[in-house]
Amino acid sequence: MITGYLFMNDFNFDNISFSNYLITTLAILLSSCIAVGCVVWLLSQKRKSYYKGIMTIRQYYDYKSAR
């Protein structure tokens, strides 16, 4: 992270600008992680079947007759 800062600022180190760089970098990293998390959550919600635990009438009668 420090090398990225030094490369962007021609290898001059300043505490105030480094603090701004650090805050900006962490904000971008946090928002990226939140965005990736939201995409993964949305994909997992889309893959869920809402009828997963529900039997059809035929399945229910087959289940009852098997007992």
N, C-alpha and C. Protein backbone atom coordinates (compact mmCIF):
# COMPACT_ATOMS: atom_id res chain seq x y z
N MET A 1 0.83 -1.18 0.00
CA MET A 1 0.00 0.00 0.00
C MET A 1 0.89 1.25 0.00
N ILE A 2 1.96 1.20 0.76
CA ILE A 2 2.86 2.36 0.80
C ILE A 2 3.57 2.53 -0.53
N THR A 3 3.96 1.42 -1.17
CA THR A 3 4.64 1.54 -2.46
C THR A 3 3.72 2.13 -3.52
N GLY A 4 2.42 1.78 -3.46
CA GLY A 4 1.47 2.39 -4.40
C GLY A 4 1.37 3.89 -4.19
N TYR A 5 1.35 4.30 -2.92
CA TYR A 5 1.29 5.73 -2.61
C TYR A 5 2.55 6.44 -3.10
N LEU A 6 3.71 5.87 -2.81
CA LEU A 6 4.97 6.50 -3.21
C LEU A 6 5.09 6.56 -4.74
N PHE A 7 4.64 5.53 -5.43
CA PHE A 7 4.69 5.53 -6.88
C PHE A 7 3.79 6.61 -7.47
N MET A 8 2.59 6.78 -6.86
CA MET A 8 1.66 7.80 -7.37
C MET A 8 2.16 9.21 -7.12
N ASN A 9 2.93 9.43 -6.06
CA ASN A 9 3.38 10.78 -5.69
C ASN A 9 4.86 10.99 -5.92
N ASP A 10 5.42 10.33 -6.89
CA ASP A 10 6.83 10.49 -7.27
C ASP A 10 7.78 10.28 -6.09
N PHE A 11 7.48 9.31 -5.25
CA PHE A 11 8.32 8.89 -4.12
C PHE A 11 8.55 10.00 -3.10
N ASN A 12 7.58 10.89 -2.96
CA ASN A 12 7.60 11.89 -1.88
C ASN A 12 6.60 11.46 -0.83
N PHE A 13 7.03 11.49 0.44
CA PHE A 13 6.16 11.03 1.52
C PHE A 13 5.68 12.23 2.32
N ASP A 14 4.37 12.38 2.42
CA ASP A 14 3.75 13.45 3.19
C ASP A 14 2.65 12.82 4.02
N ASN A 15 2.66 13.09 5.32
CA ASN A 15 1.71 12.43 6.22
C ASN A 15 0.26 12.76 5.89
N ILE A 16 -0.03 14.01 5.55
CA ILE A 16 -1.41 14.42 5.28
C ILE A 16 -1.92 13.76 4.00
N SER A 17 -1.12 13.82 2.94
CA SER A 17 -1.58 13.21 1.69
C SER A 17 -1.61 11.69 1.80
N PHE A 18 -0.71 11.10 2.61
CA PHE A 18 -0.76 9.65 2.80
C PHE A 18 -2.03 9.26 3.56
N SER A 19 -2.41 10.08 4.52
CA SER A 19 -3.64 9.81 5.26
C SER A 19 -4.85 9.87 4.33
N ASN A 20 -4.88 10.87 3.46
CA ASN A 20 -5.97 10.96 2.48
C ASN A 20 -5.96 9.77 1.52
N TYR A 21 -4.77 9.37 1.09
CA TYR A 21 -4.64 8.21 0.21
C TYR A 21 -5.12 6.95 0.90
N LEU A 22 -4.76 6.79 2.17
CA LEU A 22 -5.15 5.61 2.93
C LEU A 22 -6.67 5.55 3.13
N ILE A 23 -7.26 6.68 3.47
CA ILE A 23 -8.72 6.73 3.65
C ILE A 23 -9.43 6.43 2.33
N THR A 24 -8.95 7.00 1.25
CA THR A 24 -9.56 6.76 -0.06
C THR A 24 -9.43 5.30 -0.47
N THR A 25 -8.23 4.74 -0.27
CA THR A 25 -8.00 3.34 -0.62
C THR A 25 -8.88 2.41 0.19
N LEU A 26 -8.99 2.66 1.48
CA LEU A 26 -9.82 1.81 2.32
C LEU A 26 -11.30 1.96 1.98
N ALA A 27 -11.73 3.17 1.62
CA ALA A 27 -13.13 3.37 1.23
C ALA A 27 -13.44 2.62 -0.06
N ILE A 28 -12.52 2.67 -1.02
CA ILE A 28 -12.72 1.94 -2.28
C ILE A 28 -12.71 0.45 -2.03
N LEU A 29 -11.81 -0.03 -1.18
CA LEU A 29 -11.74 -1.46 -0.86
C LEU A 29 -13.01 -1.93 -0.15
N LEU A 30 -13.49 -1.13 0.79
CA LEU A 30 -14.72 -1.49 1.51
C LEU A 30 -15.93 -1.51 0.58
N SER A 31 -16.05 -0.50 -0.27
CA SER A 31 -17.20 -0.47 -1.18
C SER A 31 -17.12 -1.60 -2.20
N SER A 32 -15.92 -1.97 -2.62
CA SER A 32 -15.77 -3.10 -3.55
C SER A 32 -16.18 -4.40 -2.89
N CYS A 33 -15.77 -4.60 -1.64
CA CYS A 33 -16.15 -5.82 -0.91
C CYS A 33 -17.66 -5.88 -0.70
N ILE A 34 -18.26 -4.76 -0.39
CA ILE A 34 -19.72 -4.73 -0.20
C ILE A 34 -20.42 -5.05 -1.52
N ALA A 35 -19.92 -4.49 -2.62
CA ALA A 35 -20.54 -4.75 -3.93
C ALA A 35 -20.42 -6.22 -4.31
N VAL A 36 -19.25 -6.82 -4.10
CA VAL A 36 -19.07 -8.24 -4.41
C VAL A 36 -19.97 -9.09 -3.52
N GLY A 37 -20.07 -8.72 -2.24
CA GLY A 37 -20.95 -9.45 -1.33
C GLY A 37 -22.40 -9.38 -1.76
N CYS A 38 -22.84 -8.22 -2.22
CA CYS A 38 -24.23 -8.07 -2.69
C CYS A 38 -24.48 -8.91 -3.94
N VAL A 39 -23.52 -8.94 -4.85
CA VAL A 39 -23.69 -9.74 -6.07
C VAL A 39 -23.76 -11.22 -5.72
N VAL A 40 -22.89 -11.68 -4.82
CA VAL A 40 -22.92 -13.09 -4.41
C VAL A 40 -24.23 -13.41 -3.72
N TRP A 41 -24.71 -12.52 -2.87
CA TRP A 41 -25.98 -12.74 -2.17
C TRP A 41 -27.14 -12.80 -3.16
N LEU A 42 -27.15 -11.88 -4.13
CA LEU A 42 -28.22 -11.89 -5.13
C LEU A 42 -28.20 -13.16 -5.96
N LEU A 43 -27.01 -13.62 -6.33
CA LEU A 43 -26.93 -14.87 -7.09
C LEU A 43 -27.39 -16.06 -6.27
N SER A 44 -27.07 -16.06 -4.99
CA SER A 44 -27.51 -17.18 -4.15
C SER A 44 -29.02 -17.14 -3.95
N GLN A 45 -29.60 -15.96 -3.87
CA GLN A 45 -31.05 -15.85 -3.74
C GLN A 45 -31.75 -16.30 -5.02
N LYS A 46 -31.14 -16.01 -6.15
CA LYS A 46 -31.74 -16.38 -7.43
C LYS A 46 -31.72 -17.90 -7.62
N ARG A 47 -30.70 -18.57 -7.11
CA ARG A 47 -30.58 -20.01 -7.28
C ARG A 47 -31.49 -20.80 -6.35
N LYS A 48 -31.99 -20.17 -5.30
CA LYS A 48 -32.88 -20.88 -4.38
C LYS A 48 -34.19 -21.18 -5.07
N SER A 49 -34.69 -22.37 -4.84
CA SER A 49 -36.00 -22.73 -5.37
C SER A 49 -37.03 -22.49 -4.29
N TYR A 50 -38.06 -21.76 -4.61
CA TYR A 50 -39.08 -21.45 -3.62
C TYR A 50 -39.98 -22.66 -3.36
N TYR A 51 -39.93 -23.65 -4.25
CA TYR A 51 -40.76 -24.84 -4.10
C TYR A 51 -39.95 -26.02 -3.59
N LYS A 52 -38.81 -25.77 -2.98
CA LYS A 52 -37.89 -26.84 -2.62
C LYS A 52 -38.50 -27.81 -1.62
N GLY A 53 -39.16 -27.36 -0.58
CA GLY A 53 -39.69 -28.24 0.43
C GLY A 53 -41.16 -28.54 0.28
N ILE A 54 -41.75 -28.19 -0.86
CA ILE A 54 -43.19 -28.35 -1.05
C ILE A 54 -43.45 -29.53 -1.98
N MET A 55 -44.33 -30.44 -1.54
CA MET A 55 -44.71 -31.59 -2.36
C MET A 55 -45.88 -31.23 -3.26
N THR A 56 -45.89 -31.86 -4.43
CA THR A 56 -47.08 -31.77 -5.26
C THR A 56 -48.12 -32.75 -4.71
N ILE A 57 -49.32 -32.67 -5.20
CA ILE A 57 -50.38 -33.57 -4.73
C ILE A 57 -50.01 -35.02 -5.04
N ARG A 58 -49.49 -35.27 -6.23
CA ARG A 58 -49.10 -36.63 -6.61
C ARG A 58 -47.99 -37.14 -5.69
N GLN A 59 -47.00 -36.31 -5.40
CA GLN A 59 -45.92 -36.73 -4.50
C GLN A 59 -46.47 -37.01 -3.11
N TYR A 60 -47.42 -36.23 -2.66
CA TYR A 60 -48.00 -36.45 -1.34
C TYR A 60 -48.72 -37.79 -1.28
N TYR A 61 -49.53 -38.10 -2.29
CA TYR A 61 -50.26 -39.37 -2.28
C TYR A 61 -49.31 -40.56 -2.45
N ASP A 62 -48.25 -40.38 -3.24
CA ASP A 62 -47.24 -41.45 -3.34
C ASP A 62 -46.55 -41.66 -1.99
N TYR A 63 -46.29 -40.57 -1.30
CA TYR A 63 -45.66 -40.65 0.02
C TYR A 63 -46.59 -41.35 1.02
N LYS A 64 -47.87 -40.99 0.99
CA LYS A 64 -48.84 -41.59 1.92
C LYS A 64 -49.06 -43.08 1.62
N SER A 65 -49.07 -43.43 0.33
CA SER A 65 -49.32 -44.84 -0.02
C SER A 65 -48.10 -45.71 0.25
N ALA A 66 -46.93 -45.13 0.34
CA ALA A 66 -45.72 -45.90 0.60
C ALA A 66 -45.62 -46.30 2.06
N ARG A 67 -46.34 -45.67 2.93
CA ARG A 67 -46.26 -45.96 4.37
C ARG A 67 -46.99 -47.19 4.72
